[in-house]
Amino acid sequence: MPSELKEDKIQLREFTADDVKRVFELANDKFTRENSYSSDEIVYEDHVQWFSEKLNDENFILFIAEYNNEFVGQVKFDIDGNEATIGISITPDFRGRKLGSVLINKGIGKFTQIKSQVKIINAFIKKDNIPSTKIFERTGFSYLEDTVIKGAPSYKYIFNV
């Protein structure tokens, strides 16, 4: 795997039933759990049920990110009217390679082609997740306010589409 990644080789596609295991493994990754608002380990059977429900949910979009056909991470959007909330995860092998902003930018570009009614994209970031804060600021998100989600002090950022 090259240390320098070519941004144009990162492709996003909508998720399919075949992605259930790789999404589960990334969701249960230690770093991913620490930065999630539900930090408990996920039971595979629960994940499969959630995943199958999300496959048919028109208010949920999940893009799988791949680099030369290798799973890099995911970008997801939960839609509520004309707003959506974004979340990203990057696999351990690809962390620290400046992919967060690439996934966010590509994800928003692809998402807004599908869901043009969305005008605001929210990002909620735990205060101790400094790398994510920097990534979202770099991609044009603006700090809106401090908030608390499931007991975790957090920041709310917004992006106007």
Protein backbone atom coordinates (compact mmCIF):
# COMPACT_ATOMS: atom_id res chain seq x y z
CA MET A 1 0.00 0.00 0.00
CA PRO A 2 1.61 3.30 -1.04
CA SER A 3 2.17 5.92 1.65
CA GLU A 4 1.01 8.68 -0.70
CA LEU A 5 -2.56 8.17 -1.88
CA LYS A 6 -3.93 9.66 -5.06
CA GLU A 7 -7.19 11.42 -4.25
CA ASP A 8 -8.70 10.67 -7.66
CA LYS A 9 -8.35 6.93 -7.00
CA ILE A 10 -10.70 7.10 -4.03
CA GLN A 11 -14.16 6.09 -5.18
CA LEU A 12 -17.45 6.24 -3.31
CA ARG A 13 -20.37 3.96 -4.01
CA GLU A 14 -23.66 3.32 -2.27
CA PHE A 15 -23.60 0.41 0.15
CA THR A 16 -25.09 -2.97 -0.63
CA ALA A 17 -25.96 -6.08 1.40
CA ASP A 18 -22.47 -7.40 0.58
CA ASP A 19 -20.93 -4.66 2.76
CA VAL A 20 -22.47 -5.83 6.03
CA LYS A 21 -19.33 -7.53 7.41
CA ARG A 22 -16.81 -4.80 6.53
CA VAL A 23 -19.08 -2.08 7.96
CA PHE A 24 -19.52 -4.17 11.12
CA GLU A 25 -15.76 -4.62 11.54
CA LEU A 26 -15.12 -0.88 11.11
CA ALA A 27 -17.98 0.01 13.46
CA ASN A 28 -16.50 -2.29 16.14
CA ASP A 29 -12.96 -0.96 15.74
CA LYS A 30 -11.66 0.35 19.10
CA PHE A 31 -10.97 3.90 17.83
CA THR A 32 -14.35 4.06 16.05
CA ARG A 33 -16.17 2.95 19.23
CA GLU A 34 -14.30 5.54 21.34
CA ASN A 35 -15.44 8.36 19.06
CA SER A 36 -18.99 7.10 18.67
CA TYR A 37 -21.89 8.25 20.84
CA SER A 38 -22.68 4.58 21.48
CA SER A 39 -19.34 3.22 22.62
CA ASP A 40 -20.45 -0.30 23.59
CA GLU A 41 -19.30 -3.13 21.38
CA ILE A 42 -21.85 -4.02 18.71
CA VAL A 43 -23.30 -7.52 18.56
CA TYR A 44 -23.15 -8.91 15.01
CA GLU A 45 -26.80 -10.02 14.93
CA ASP A 46 -27.92 -6.53 16.03
CA HIS A 47 -25.72 -5.00 13.34
CA VAL A 48 -27.19 -7.26 10.65
CA GLN A 49 -30.72 -6.22 11.65
CA TRP A 50 -29.79 -2.51 11.70
CA PHE A 51 -27.96 -2.85 8.37
CA SER A 52 -30.88 -4.54 6.62
CA GLU A 53 -33.25 -1.84 7.89
CA LYS A 54 -30.91 0.91 6.66
CA LEU A 55 -30.66 -0.67 3.20
CA ASN A 56 -34.33 0.22 2.68
CA ASP A 57 -34.37 3.53 4.54
CA GLU A 58 -34.73 6.46 2.13
CA ASN A 59 -33.60 8.82 4.92
CA PHE A 60 -30.22 7.10 5.23
CA ILE A 61 -27.36 7.10 2.75
CA LEU A 62 -24.13 5.20 3.29
CA PHE A 63 -21.23 5.45 0.89
CA ILE A 64 -18.44 2.90 0.90
CA ALA A 65 -15.04 4.46 0.17
CA GLU A 66 -12.53 2.36 -1.75
CA TYR A 67 -8.97 2.93 -2.94
CA ASN A 68 -8.00 0.57 -5.76
CA ASN A 69 -10.98 -1.61 -4.71
CA GLU A 70 -9.74 -1.80 -1.09
CA PHE A 71 -12.14 -0.72 1.68
CA VAL A 72 -10.97 2.61 3.08
CA GLY A 73 -13.94 3.76 5.10
CA GLN A 74 -17.47 5.05 4.97
CA VAL A 75 -19.45 8.28 4.87
CA LYS A 76 -23.02 8.20 6.12
CA PHE A 77 -25.88 10.67 6.13
CA ASP A 78 -28.99 10.56 8.32
CA ILE A 79 -31.65 12.78 6.73
CA ASP A 80 -34.33 14.73 8.55
CA GLY A 81 -36.29 16.99 6.20
CA ASN A 82 -33.94 19.54 4.66
CA GLU A 83 -31.11 18.69 7.07
CA ALA A 84 -28.76 15.74 7.32
CA THR A 85 -26.17 14.60 9.83
CA ILE A 86 -22.88 13.30 8.48
CA GLY A 87 -20.61 10.69 10.01
CA ILE A 88 -17.35 9.25 8.71
CA SER A 89 -15.13 6.34 9.68
CA ILE A 90 -11.77 5.36 8.24
CA THR A 91 -10.24 1.90 8.52
CA PRO A 92 -7.15 1.57 10.74
CA ASP A 93 -4.81 0.95 7.75
CA PHE A 94 -5.82 4.26 6.15
CA ARG A 95 -5.95 6.55 9.20
CA GLY A 96 -3.48 9.41 9.43
CA ARG A 97 -3.26 9.79 5.65
CA LYS A 98 -5.39 12.94 5.29
CA LEU A 99 -8.37 11.00 3.91
CA GLY A 100 -11.01 12.47 6.21
CA SER A 101 -11.42 15.67 4.22
CA VAL A 102 -11.37 13.73 0.94
CA LEU A 103 -14.16 11.44 2.12
CA ILE A 104 -16.21 14.36 3.45
CA ASN A 105 -15.86 16.40 0.24
CA LYS A 106 -16.57 13.47 -2.06
CA GLY A 107 -19.39 12.28 0.19
CA ILE A 108 -21.13 15.66 0.24
CA GLY A 109 -20.72 16.01 -3.53
CA LYS A 110 -22.28 12.63 -4.20
CA PHE A 111 -24.93 13.01 -1.48
CA THR A 112 -26.23 16.36 -2.73
CA GLN A 113 -26.71 14.90 -6.22
CA ILE A 114 -29.03 12.27 -4.73
CA LYS A 115 -30.78 14.34 -2.04
CA SER A 116 -31.02 17.87 -3.42
CA GLN A 117 -33.63 18.92 -0.83
CA VAL A 118 -30.98 18.89 1.92
CA LYS A 119 -29.70 22.42 2.59
CA ILE A 120 -27.78 21.96 5.85
CA ILE A 121 -25.41 19.17 6.88
CA ASN A 122 -24.70 18.82 10.59
CA ALA A 123 -21.64 17.24 12.16
CA PHE A 124 -21.53 16.37 15.86
CA ILE A 125 -18.03 15.79 17.21
CA LYS A 126 -16.93 14.84 20.71
CA LYS A 127 -14.80 17.64 22.17
CA ASP A 128 -11.85 15.33 22.75
CA ASN A 129 -11.79 14.23 19.09
CA ILE A 130 -9.45 17.00 17.94
CA PRO A 131 -8.50 15.35 14.60
CA SER A 132 -12.16 15.22 13.50
CA THR A 133 -12.71 18.83 14.55
CA LYS A 134 -9.79 19.93 12.35
CA ILE A 135 -10.96 17.81 9.40
CA PHE A 136 -14.48 19.23 9.46
CA GLU A 137 -13.17 22.80 9.77
CA ARG A 138 -10.82 22.19 6.83
CA THR A 139 -13.73 21.03 4.67
CA GLY A 140 -15.82 24.15 5.20
CA PHE A 141 -17.93 23.22 8.21
CA SER A 142 -18.55 26.10 10.63
CA TYR A 143 -18.72 25.82 14.38
CA LEU A 144 -22.29 26.47 15.56
CA GLU A 145 -22.40 25.63 19.27
CA ASP A 146 -21.33 23.46 22.15
CA THR A 147 -23.76 20.67 22.93
CA VAL A 148 -24.01 17.44 24.92
CA ILE A 149 -24.97 14.18 23.23
CA LYS A 150 -25.60 11.08 25.33
CA GLY A 151 -23.61 12.70 28.14
CA ALA A 152 -20.60 13.53 25.93
CA PRO A 153 -19.54 17.19 25.64
CA SER A 154 -19.55 17.89 21.91
CA TYR A 155 -19.37 20.50 19.19
CA LYS A 156 -22.01 21.04 16.55
CA TYR A 157 -20.73 22.10 13.15
CA ILE A 158 -22.83 22.95 10.10
CA PHE A 159 -22.24 23.05 6.37
CA ASN A 160 -24.60 25.02 4.13
CA VAL A 161 -25.16 23.19 0.87
